[in-house]
C-alpha atoms as a PDB file:
ATOM      1  CA  MET A   1     -81.396  32.508-152.764  1.00  0.00           C
ATOM      2  CA  LYS A   2     -78.985  35.090-151.404  1.00  0.00           C
ATOM      3  CA  TYR A   3     -80.278  38.633-150.857  1.00  0.00           C
ATOM      4  CA  ALA A   4     -78.825  41.996-149.957  1.00  0.00           C
ATOM      5  CA  ILE A   5     -81.495  43.791-147.931  1.00  0.00           C
ATOM      6  CA  ARG A   6     -81.737  47.409-146.862  1.00  0.00           C
ATOM      7  CA  HIS A   7     -84.669  48.815-144.884  1.00  0.00           C
ATOM      8  CA  VAL A   8     -84.639  52.531-144.051  1.00  0.00           C
ATOM      9  CA  THR A   9     -87.266  54.136-141.797  1.00  0.00           C
ATOM     10  CA  THR A  10     -87.275  57.917-141.316  1.00  0.00           C
ATOM     11  CA  TYR A  11     -89.412  59.981-138.953  1.00  0.00           C
ATOM     12  CA  LYS A  12     -89.472  63.729-139.638  1.00  0.00           C
ATOM     13  CA  TYR A  13     -90.994  65.793-136.830  1.00  0.00           C
ATOM     14  CA  SER A  14     -92.625  69.220-137.019  1.00  0.00           C
ATOM     15  CA  SER A  15     -91.022  70.263-133.731  1.00  0.00           C
ATOM     16  CA  VAL A  16     -88.156  69.101-131.560  1.00  0.00           C
ATOM     17  CA  VAL A  17     -88.277  65.689-129.904  1.00  0.00           C
ATOM     18  CA  SER A  18     -86.614  65.881-126.499  1.00  0.00           C
ATOM     19  CA  GLY A  19     -86.330  62.121-126.092  1.00  0.00           C
ATOM     20  CA  CYS A  20     -87.592  58.737-127.280  1.00  0.00           C
ATOM     21  CA  HIS A  21     -87.546  55.082-126.290  1.00  0.00           C
ATOM     22  CA  ASN A  22     -88.114  52.412-128.953  1.00  0.00           C
ATOM     23  CA  VAL A  23     -88.185  48.670-129.533  1.00  0.00           C
ATOM     24  CA  LEU A  24     -87.192  47.337-132.966  1.00  0.00           C
ATOM     25  CA  HIS A  25     -87.981  44.059-134.715  1.00  0.00           C
ATOM     26  CA  LEU A  26     -85.734  44.544-137.741  1.00  0.00           C
ATOM     27  CA  THR A  27     -83.350  41.576-137.580  1.00  0.00           C
ATOM     28  CA  PRO A  28     -84.401  38.502-139.600  1.00  0.00           C
ATOM     29  CA  ARG A  29     -84.917  35.324-137.612  1.00  0.00           C
ATOM     30  CA  GLU A  30     -82.512  32.466-138.144  1.00  0.00           C
ATOM     31  CA  THR A  31     -84.465  29.318-138.998  1.00  0.00           C
ATOM     32  CA  GLY A  32     -83.834  25.962-140.603  1.00  0.00           C
ATOM     33  CA  ARG A  33     -83.983  27.548-144.053  1.00  0.00           C
ATOM     34  CA  GLN A  34     -82.893  31.120-143.359  1.00  0.00           C
ATOM     35  CA  LYS A  35     -79.478  32.378-142.166  1.00  0.00           C
ATOM     36  CA  HIS A  36     -77.927  35.833-142.247  1.00  0.00           C
ATOM     37  CA  GLU A  37     -74.267  36.188-143.193  1.00  0.00           C
ATOM     38  CA  LYS A  38     -74.198  39.652-141.671  1.00  0.00           C
ATOM     39  CA  TRP A  39     -76.745  42.068-140.299  1.00  0.00           C
ATOM     40  CA  GLU A  40     -76.605  45.454-138.626  1.00  0.00           C
ATOM     41  CA  VAL A  41     -79.020  48.086-137.380  1.00  0.00           C
ATOM     42  CA  GLU A  42     -77.923  51.720-137.297  1.00  0.00           C
ATOM     43  CA  VAL A  43     -79.806  54.514-135.517  1.00  0.00           C
ATOM     44  CA  SER A  44     -79.349  58.251-136.067  1.00  0.00           C
ATOM     45  CA  PRO A  45     -78.980  60.256-133.863  1.00  0.00           C
ATOM     46  CA  GLU A  46     -76.798  57.787-131.986  1.00  0.00           C
ATOM     47  CA  PRO A  47     -78.643  56.430-128.942  1.00  0.00           C
ATOM     48  CA  GLU A  48     -77.354  57.104-125.461  1.00  0.00           C
ATOM     49  CA  TRP A  49     -78.279  53.543-124.582  1.00  0.00           C
ATOM     50  CA  SER A  50     -79.146  50.440-126.598  1.00  0.00           C
ATOM     51  CA  ALA A  51     -79.349  46.683-126.081  1.00  0.00           C
ATOM     52  CA  GLU A  52     -80.184  43.619-128.152  1.00  0.00           C
ATOM     53  CA  PHE A  53     -82.354  40.876-126.692  1.00  0.00           C
ATOM     54  CA  GLY A  54     -84.559  37.926-127.562  1.00  0.00           C
ATOM     55  CA  ASP A  55     -88.258  38.577-127.009  1.00  0.00           C
ATOM     56  CA  TYR A  56     -90.849  36.152-125.660  1.00  0.00           C
ATOM     57  CA  PHE A  57     -91.453  34.624-129.101  1.00  0.00           C
ATOM     58  CA  GLY A  58     -87.743  34.117-129.812  1.00  0.00           C
ATOM     59  CA  ASN A  59     -87.398  37.070-132.188  1.00  0.00           C
ATOM     60  CA  GLU A  60     -84.237  39.153-132.207  1.00  0.00           C
ATOM     61  CA  ALA A  61     -85.133  42.619-130.939  1.00  0.00           C
ATOM     62  CA  MET A  62     -83.371  45.851-130.005  1.00  0.00           C
ATOM     63  CA  PHE A  63     -84.199  48.567-127.484  1.00  0.00           C
ATOM     64  CA  PHE A  64     -82.727  52.058-127.629  1.00  0.00           C
ATOM     65  CA  SER A  65     -83.102  55.431-125.942  1.00  0.00           C
ATOM     66  CA  ILE A  66     -82.205  58.848-127.367  1.00  0.00           C
ATOM     67  CA  HIS A  67     -82.026  61.723-124.906  1.00  0.00           C
ATOM     68  CA  GLN A  68     -80.662  64.486-127.135  1.00  0.00           C
ATOM     69  CA  PRO A  69     -83.061  66.883-128.921  1.00  0.00           C
ATOM     70  CA  HIS A  70     -83.724  65.940-132.555  1.00  0.00           C
ATOM     71  CA  GLU A  71     -86.155  66.624-135.392  1.00  0.00           C
ATOM     72  CA  LEU A  72     -85.331  63.556-137.496  1.00  0.00           C
ATOM     73  CA  LEU A  73     -84.945  59.898-136.540  1.00  0.00           C
ATOM     74  CA  ARG A  74     -83.543  57.404-139.033  1.00  0.00           C
ATOM     75  CA  VAL A  75     -83.242  53.640-138.521  1.00  0.00           C
ATOM     76  CA  THR A  76     -81.369  51.591-141.125  1.00  0.00           C
ATOM     77  CA  ALA A  77     -81.335  47.792-141.076  1.00  0.00           C
ATOM     78  CA  SER A  78     -79.177  46.053-143.674  1.00  0.00           C
ATOM     79  CA  GLY A  79     -77.284  42.880-144.409  1.00  0.00           C
ATOM     80  CA  VAL A  80     -76.978  39.718-146.462  1.00  0.00           C
ATOM     81  CA  LEU A  81     -79.342  36.786-146.016  1.00  0.00           C
ATOM     82  CA  ASN A  82     -79.514  33.241-147.397  1.00  0.00           C
ATOM     83  CA  VAL A  83     -83.015  31.807-147.837  1.00  0.00           C
ATOM     84  CA  GLY A  84     -83.738  28.201-148.793  1.00  0.00           C
ATOM     85  CA  ALA A  85     -86.671  26.854-150.770  1.00  0.00           C
ATOM     86  CA  PHE A  86     -89.643  25.136-149.136  1.00  0.00           C
ATOM     87  CA  ALA A  87     -92.296  22.764-150.433  1.00  0.00           C
ATOM     88  CA  VAL A  88     -95.092  20.767-148.817  1.00  0.00           C
ATOM     89  CA  ASP A  89     -97.877  18.493-150.046  1.00  0.00           C
ATOM     90  CA  VAL A  90    -100.980  19.996-148.471  1.00  0.00           C
ATOM     91  CA  GLU A  91    -103.006  16.858-149.147  1.00  0.00           C
ATOM     92  CA  LYS A  92    -100.634  14.783-147.003  1.00  0.00           C
ATOM     93  CA  SER A  93    -101.612  16.279-143.677  1.00  0.00           C
ATOM     94  CA  PRO A  94    -103.958  15.000-140.954  1.00  0.00           C
ATOM     95  CA  PRO A  95    -107.642  15.922-140.945  1.00  0.00           C
ATOM     96  CA  TRP A  96    -108.253  19.362-139.500  1.00  0.00           C
ATOM     97  CA  GLU A  97    -110.319  17.905-136.652  1.00  0.00           C
ATOM     98  CA  GLU A  98    -107.286  15.886-135.499  1.00  0.00           C
ATOM     99  CA  VAL A  99    -105.099  18.987-135.561  1.00  0.00           C
ATOM    100  CA  ARG A 100    -107.590  20.867-133.393  1.00  0.00           C
ATOM    101  CA  SER A 101    -107.789  17.991-130.905  1.00  0.00           C
ATOM    102  CA  ALA A 102    -104.004  17.506-130.752  1.00  0.00           C
ATOM    103  CA  VAL A 103    -103.350  21.159-129.967  1.00  0.00           C
ATOM    104  CA  ARG A 104    -106.117  21.331-127.386  1.00  0.00           C
ATOM    105  CA  ALA A 105    -104.664  18.246-125.682  1.00  0.00           C
ATOM    106  CA  HIS A 106    -101.097  19.691-125.702  1.00  0.00           C
ATOM    107  CA  GLN A 107     -99.765  16.521-127.307  1.00  0.00           C
ATOM    108  CA  GLY A 108     -96.020  17.268-127.221  1.00  0.00           C
ATOM    109  CA  ASP A 109     -93.913  20.390-126.780  1.00  0.00           C
ATOM    110  CA  ASP A 110     -94.660  21.677-130.293  1.00  0.00           C
ATOM    111  CA  ALA A 111     -98.408  21.410-129.747  1.00  0.00           C
ATOM    112  CA  LEU A 112     -98.038  23.157-126.396  1.00  0.00           C
ATOM    113  CA  ASP A 113     -96.189  26.027-128.114  1.00  0.00           C
ATOM    114  CA  ALA A 114     -98.934  26.208-130.749  1.00  0.00           C
ATOM    115  CA  PHE A 115    -101.616  26.307-128.031  1.00  0.00           C
ATOM    116  CA  GLN A 116    -100.814  29.958-127.244  1.00  0.00           C
ATOM    117  CA  TYR A 117    -101.786  30.934-130.800  1.00  0.00           C
ATOM    118  CA  LEU A 118    -105.403  29.861-130.303  1.00  0.00           C
ATOM    119  CA  TRP A 119    -106.415  32.874-128.239  1.00  0.00           C
ATOM    120  CA  ASP A 120    -107.438  36.459-128.858  1.00  0.00           C
ATOM    121  CA  SER A 121    -104.680  39.053-129.190  1.00  0.00           C
ATOM    122  CA  PRO A 122    -104.702  42.882-129.399  1.00  0.00           C
ATOM    123  CA  PHE A 123    -105.613  43.068-133.106  1.00  0.00           C
ATOM    124  CA  ILE A 124    -107.343  39.689-133.590  1.00  0.00           C
ATOM    125  CA  LYS A 125    -110.563  38.683-131.851  1.00  0.00           C
ATOM    126  CA  ALA A 126    -112.359  35.417-132.576  1.00  0.00           C
ATOM    127  CA  SER A 127    -115.919  35.845-133.813  1.00  0.00           C
ATOM    128  CA  PRO A 128    -118.779  33.795-135.290  1.00  0.00           C
ATOM    129  CA  THR A 129    -118.487  35.855-138.500  1.00  0.00           C
ATOM    130  CA  LEU A 130    -114.812  35.036-139.058  1.00  0.00           C
ATOM    131  CA  GLY A 131    -115.286  31.447-137.945  1.00  0.00           C
ATOM    132  CA  GLY A 132    -118.224  30.963-140.290  1.00  0.00           C
ATOM    133  CA  TYR A 133    -116.263  32.354-143.212  1.00  0.00           C
ATOM    134  CA  ALA A 134    -113.279  30.077-142.555  1.00  0.00           C
ATOM    135  CA  ARG A 135    -115.459  27.012-141.873  1.00  0.00           C
ATOM    136  CA  VAL A 136    -116.463  26.789-145.551  1.00  0.00           C
ATOM    137  CA  SER A 137    -112.899  25.673-146.370  1.00  0.00           C
ATOM    138  CA  PHE A 138    -112.996  22.818-143.847  1.00  0.00           C
ATOM    139  CA  PRO A 139    -115.563  20.147-144.664  1.00  0.00           C
ATOM    140  CA  ALA A 140    -115.443  17.090-142.424  1.00  0.00           C
ATOM    141  CA  GLY A 141    -112.231  15.088-142.729  1.00  0.00           C
ATOM    142  CA  ARG A 142    -110.421  17.478-145.048  1.00  0.00           C
ATOM    143  CA  PRO A 143    -106.605  17.509-144.696  1.00  0.00           C
ATOM    144  CA  PHE A 144    -105.746  20.489-142.527  1.00  0.00           C
ATOM    145  CA  LEU A 145    -103.213  22.127-144.839  1.00  0.00           C
ATOM    146  CA  ALA A 146    -105.504  21.631-147.842  1.00  0.00           C
ATOM    147  CA  GLY A 147    -108.200  23.527-145.957  1.00  0.00           C
ATOM    148  CA  VAL A 148    -105.787  26.347-145.108  1.00  0.00           C
ATOM    149  CA  MET A 149    -104.732  26.518-148.763  1.00  0.00           C
ATOM    150  CA  ASP A 150    -108.362  26.764-149.841  1.00  0.00           C
ATOM    151  CA  LEU A 151    -108.956  29.594-147.348  1.00  0.00           C
ATOM    152  CA  THR A 152    -105.868  31.323-148.769  1.00  0.00           C
ATOM    153  CA  HIS A 153    -107.313  31.036-152.286  1.00  0.00           C
ATOM    154  CA  ARG A 154    -110.674  32.447-151.176  1.00  0.00           C
ATOM    155  CA  ILE A 155    -109.257  35.500-149.436  1.00  0.00           C
ATOM    156  CA  PHE A 156    -107.060  36.195-152.465  1.00  0.00           C
ATOM    157  CA  ARG A 157    -110.060  35.962-154.833  1.00  0.00           C
ATOM    158  CA  GLU A 158    -112.685  37.693-152.701  1.00  0.00           C
ATOM    159  CA  PHE A 159    -110.745  40.554-151.095  1.00  0.00           C
ATOM    160  CA  LYS A 160    -109.156  43.461-152.947  1.00  0.00           C
ATOM    161  CA  TYR A 161    -105.664  44.656-152.124  1.00  0.00           C
ATOM    162  CA  LYS A 162    -106.187  48.388-151.653  1.00  0.00           C
ATOM    163  CA  PRO A 163    -103.363  50.465-150.093  1.00  0.00           C
ATOM    164  CA  GLN A 164    -104.417  53.193-147.652  1.00  0.00           C
ATOM    165  CA  SER A 165    -107.929  51.771-147.403  1.00  0.00           C
ATOM    166  CA  THR A 166    -107.306  50.787-143.772  1.00  0.00           C
ATOM    167  CA  THR A 167    -105.040  51.534-140.824  1.00  0.00           C
ATOM    168  CA  ILE A 168    -103.534  49.023-138.430  1.00  0.00           C
ATOM    169  CA  SER A 169    -106.363  49.813-135.994  1.00  0.00           C
ATOM    170  CA  THR A 170    -109.193  49.162-138.482  1.00  0.00           C
ATOM    171  CA  PRO A 171    -111.438  46.454-136.937  1.00  0.00           C
ATOM    172  CA  LEU A 172    -111.455  43.109-138.720  1.00  0.00           C
ATOM    173  CA  GLU A 173    -115.228  43.314-138.993  1.00  0.00           C
ATOM    174  CA  GLU A 174    -114.828  46.437-141.149  1.00  0.00           C
ATOM    175  CA  VAL A 175    -112.186  44.757-143.334  1.00  0.00           C
ATOM    176  CA  PHE A 176    -114.540  41.800-143.751  1.00  0.00           C
ATOM    177  CA  GLU A 177    -117.472  43.993-144.738  1.00  0.00           C
ATOM    178  CA  LYS A 178    -115.510  46.155-147.190  1.00  0.00           C
ATOM    179  CA  ARG A 179    -113.694  43.138-148.674  1.00  0.00           C
ATOM    180  CA  ALA A 180    -110.584  45.314-149.019  1.00  0.00           C
ATOM    181  CA  GLY A 181    -107.356  45.983-147.161  1.00  0.00           C
ATOM    182  CA  VAL A 182    -103.608  45.348-147.181  1.00  0.00           C
ATOM    183  CA  CYS A 183    -101.371  42.406-146.323  1.00  0.00           C
ATOM    184  CA  GLN A 184    -101.612  42.948-142.547  1.00  0.00           C
ATOM    185  CA  ASP A 185    -105.411  42.936-142.772  1.00  0.00           C
ATOM    186  CA  PHE A 186    -105.533  39.733-144.807  1.00  0.00           C
ATOM    187  CA  ALA A 187    -103.131  37.972-142.437  1.00  0.00           C
ATOM    188  CA  HIS A 188    -105.143  39.118-139.396  1.00  0.00           C
ATOM    189  CA  LEU A 189    -108.405  38.131-141.083  1.00  0.00           C
ATOM    190  CA  MET A 190    -107.210  34.625-141.920  1.00  0.00           C
ATOM    191  CA  ILE A 191    -105.703  34.110-138.468  1.00  0.00           C
ATOM    192  CA  GLY A 192    -108.950  35.272-136.893  1.00  0.00           C
ATOM    193  CA  GLY A 193    -110.946  32.784-138.946  1.00  0.00           C
ATOM    194  CA  LEU A 194    -108.671  29.889-138.026  1.00  0.00           C
ATOM    195  CA  ARG A 195    -108.565  30.744-134.331  1.00  0.00           C
ATOM    196  CA  SER A 196    -112.348  31.057-134.304  1.00  0.00           C
ATOM    197  CA  MET A 197    -112.390  27.381-135.325  1.00  0.00           C
ATOM    198  CA  GLY A 198    -109.905  26.377-132.628  1.00  0.00           C
ATOM    199  CA  LEU A 199    -106.977  26.107-135.054  1.00  0.00           C
ATOM    200  CA  PRO A 200    -103.588  27.676-134.169  1.00  0.00           C
ATOM    201  CA  ALA A 201    -102.123  30.419-136.371  1.00  0.00           C
ATOM    202  CA  ARG A 202     -99.469  33.072-135.851  1.00  0.00           C
ATOM    203  CA  TYR A 203     -98.600  36.346-137.593  1.00  0.00           C
ATOM    204  CA  VAL A 204     -95.371  36.651-139.604  1.00  0.00           C
ATOM    205  CA  SER A 205     -93.655  39.881-140.655  1.00  0.00           C
ATOM    206  CA  GLY A 206     -90.988  40.115-143.307  1.00  0.00           C
ATOM    207  CA  TYR A 207     -90.111  41.057-146.851  1.00  0.00           C
ATOM    208  CA  LEU A 208     -91.182  39.799-150.237  1.00  0.00           C
ATOM    209  CA  ARG A 209     -89.090  39.826-153.361  1.00  0.00           C
ATOM    210  CA  THR A 210     -91.150  41.318-156.165  1.00  0.00           C
ATOM    211  CA  PHE A 211     -90.517  41.149-159.882  1.00  0.00           C
ATOM    212  CA  PRO A 212     -90.875  43.976-162.405  1.00  0.00           C
ATOM    213  CA  PRO A 213     -93.830  43.744-164.820  1.00  0.00           C
ATOM    214  CA  LYS A 214     -93.249  42.005-168.119  1.00  0.00           C
ATOM    215  CA  PRO A 215     -91.927  44.430-170.747  1.00  0.00           C
ATOM    216  CA  ASP A 216     -94.393  45.825-173.243  1.00  0.00           C
ATOM    217  CA  PRO A 217     -92.945  45.736-176.802  1.00  0.00           C
ATOM    218  CA  ALA A 218     -95.024  48.802-177.663  1.00  0.00           C
ATOM    219  CA  LYS A 219     -93.324  50.914-174.994  1.00  0.00           C
ATOM    220  CA  PRO A 220     -89.733  52.125-174.694  1.00  0.00           C
ATOM    221  CA  LYS A 221     -87.464  49.860-172.677  1.00  0.00           C
ATOM    222  CA  VAL A 222     -86.913  51.094-169.132  1.00  0.00           C
ATOM    223  CA  PRO A 223     -84.343  49.842-166.614  1.00  0.00           C
ATOM    224  CA  ILE A 224     -85.425  47.342-163.959  1.00  0.00           C
ATOM    225  CA  LEU A 225     -85.616  49.123-160.634  1.00  0.00           C
ATOM    226  CA  VAL A 226     -84.708  47.241-157.477  1.00  0.00           C
ATOM    227  CA  GLY A 227     -86.104  48.982-154.430  1.00  0.00           C
ATOM    228  CA  ALA A 228     -89.846  49.205-154.985  1.00  0.00           C
ATOM    229  CA  ASP A 229     -90.451  46.571-152.299  1.00  0.00           C
ATOM    230  CA  ALA A 230     -92.007  47.170-148.896  1.00  0.00           C
ATOM    231  CA  SER A 231     -92.413  45.266-145.663  1.00  0.00           C
ATOM    232  CA  HIS A 232     -94.888  42.402-145.920  1.00  0.00           C
ATOM    233  CA  ALA A 233     -96.998  40.155-143.702  1.00  0.00           C
ATOM    234  CA  TRP A 234     -98.452  36.660-143.859  1.00  0.00           C
ATOM    235  CA  LEU A 235     -99.265  33.854-141.410  1.00  0.00           C
ATOM    236  CA  SER A 236     -98.129  30.436-140.293  1.00  0.00           C
ATOM    237  CA  VAL A 237    -100.141  27.440-139.068  1.00  0.00           C
ATOM    238  CA  TYR A 238     -99.051  24.493-136.944  1.00  0.00           C
ATOM    239  CA  CYS A 239     -99.616  20.985-138.305  1.00  0.00           C
ATOM    240  CA  PRO A 240     -98.604  17.929-136.202  1.00  0.00           C
ATOM    241  CA  GLY A 241     -96.047  15.801-138.015  1.00  0.00           C
ATOM    242  CA  VAL A 242     -95.209  18.633-140.420  1.00  0.00           C
ATOM    243  CA  GLY A 243     -94.455  21.655-138.243  1.00  0.00           C
ATOM    244  CA  TRP A 244     -95.208  25.286-138.983  1.00  0.00           C
ATOM    245  CA  VAL A 245     -96.203  26.076-142.564  1.00  0.00           C
ATOM    246  CA  ASP A 246     -96.513  29.611-143.956  1.00  0.00           C
ATOM    247  CA  PHE A 247     -99.366  30.886-146.139  1.00  0.00           C
ATOM    248  CA  ASP A 248     -99.577  34.260-147.894  1.00  0.00           C
ATOM    249  CA  PRO A 249    -103.209  35.198-148.696  1.00  0.00           C
ATOM    250  CA  THR A 250    -102.154  38.481-150.312  1.00  0.00           C
ATOM    251  CA  ASN A 251    -100.302  36.571-153.039  1.00  0.00           C
ATOM    252  CA  ASP A 252    -102.115  33.214-152.853  1.00  0.00           C
ATOM    253  CA  VAL A 253     -98.940  31.197-152.239  1.00  0.00           C
ATOM    254  CA  ILE A 254     -97.083  29.080-149.722  1.00  0.00           C
ATOM    255  CA  PRO A 255     -93.979  31.221-149.046  1.00  0.00           C
ATOM    256  CA  SER A 256     -90.656  29.807-150.155  1.00  0.00           C
ATOM    257  CA  ASP A 257     -87.352  31.479-151.022  1.00  0.00           C
ATOM    258  CA  LEU A 258     -89.077  34.666-152.245  1.00  0.00           C
ATOM    259  CA  HIS A 259     -90.214  35.462-148.693  1.00  0.00           C
ATOM    260  CA  ILE A 260     -87.825  36.681-145.982  1.00  0.00           C
ATOM    261  CA  THR A 261     -89.006  36.252-142.384  1.00  0.00           C
ATOM    262  CA  LEU A 262     -88.307  38.987-139.859  1.00  0.00           C
ATOM    263  CA  ALA A 263     -90.343  37.977-136.818  1.00  0.00           C
ATOM    264  CA  TRP A 264     -93.482  36.203-135.671  1.00  0.00           C
ATOM    265  CA  GLY A 265     -95.993  36.604-132.856  1.00  0.00           C
ATOM    266  CA  ARG A 266     -99.714  36.675-132.122  1.00  0.00           C
ATOM    267  CA  ASP A 267    -100.367  39.664-134.395  1.00  0.00           C
ATOM    268  CA  TYR A 268     -98.801  42.879-135.706  1.00  0.00           C
ATOM    269  CA  ASP A 269     -98.554  44.359-132.217  1.00  0.00           C
ATOM    270  CA  ASP A 270     -95.965  41.736-131.182  1.00  0.00           C
ATOM    271  CA  VAL A 271     -93.662  42.306-134.174  1.00  0.00           C
ATOM    272  CA  SER A 272     -94.100  45.945-135.200  1.00  0.00           C
ATOM    273  CA  PRO A 273     -90.836  47.007-136.906  1.00  0.00           C
ATOM    274  CA  ILE A 274     -90.567  50.119-134.707  1.00  0.00           C
ATOM    275  CA  LYS A 275     -92.641  50.805-131.607  1.00  0.00           C
ATOM    276  CA  GLY A 276     -92.030  53.252-128.818  1.00  0.00           C
ATOM    277  CA  VAL A 277     -92.641  56.490-126.970  1.00  0.00           C
ATOM    278  CA  VAL A 278     -91.720  59.984-128.182  1.00  0.00           C
ATOM    279  CA  ILE A 279     -91.585  63.080-125.969  1.00  0.00           C
ATOM    280  CA  GLY A 280     -92.553  66.139-128.000  1.00  0.00           C
ATOM    281  CA  GLY A 281     -92.200  66.253-131.773  1.00  0.00           C
ATOM    282  CA  GLY A 282     -95.653  67.532-132.741  1.00  0.00           C
ATOM    283  CA  GLU A 283     -96.825  65.987-136.006  1.00  0.00           C
ATOM    284  CA  HIS A 284     -94.547  63.649-137.913  1.00  0.00           C
ATOM    285  CA  ARG A 285     -94.048  62.318-141.425  1.00  0.00           C
ATOM    286  CA  LEU A 286     -93.015  58.699-141.899  1.00  0.00           C
ATOM    287  CA  GLU A 287     -90.930  57.516-144.864  1.00  0.00           C
ATOM    288  CA  VAL A 288     -90.077  53.849-145.414  1.00  0.00           C
ATOM    289  CA  GLY A 289     -87.892  52.360-148.137  1.00  0.00           C
ATOM    290  CA  VAL A 290     -87.095  48.670-148.566  1.00  0.00           C
ATOM    291  CA  GLU A 291     -84.640  47.174-151.042  1.00  0.00           C
ATOM    292  CA  VAL A 292     -84.487  43.405-151.519  1.00  0.00           C
ATOM    293  CA  LYS A 293     -81.811  42.682-154.081  1.00  0.00           C
ATOM    294  CA  PRO A 294     -80.964  39.109-155.195  1.00  0.00           C
ATOM    295  CA  LEU A 295     -77.231  38.413-155.297  1.00  0.00           C
ATOM    296  CA  GLU A 296     -77.410  35.216-157.325  1.00  0.00           C
END
């Protein structure tokens, strides 16, 4: 699939900001099945200094500084991206116990890379509660990816997607108890369960193409609106002999060409779309708009 993507983030401040310094993760990664034909990030007001760089995890990032006084900051990322389909047979993967042993033993460069995704990170802490919940999906000898798929199904069935029910700082224990949250919570929850079992998993940020609801013959026809999308999050697990495979517990699917990957890391903190320091500004209002428009 080919997509035209536009992501606009606007901060409106109640008083003047005298300066700010920010790091952006708003450029899609180039992978074996994802390439961008063109991509640009525009910042207003124009920064006095900016630089693009690759972060520790290989994501494309940008740093900028604005020194002039301002009451509004707008960041626009846009471009055209080609995304290929992906399919995997989850039953044709090694037993989960073998995956755990292979990663612990650093068997090969890929397993060594995956090893870093076993440990606690700022928003994800291993715990007996999360490990016990995940363990139900992994009876002895079960193919690893089949177990991850089952855990995906369970989170989708047992947790309610409820916008504004949590913040990014809501503890996973609270998400688990309430059985409600948003895509970031479900990704963190599933990663936490897997890591608690000694299985590697990383956090993925990106976009998801959504489809309008089926028309109701009893209601007047309305135009299809493209632009109701938002940023999204899911996770990826490492399987020896297969590689990294994505799972989306919010939608109960293995992501394919309807998912666009921006960046990956240990958790949200590593790949936050915009993160930085603001001097002044008082209170602020955040507005985010994402448009993912198929071109074919």
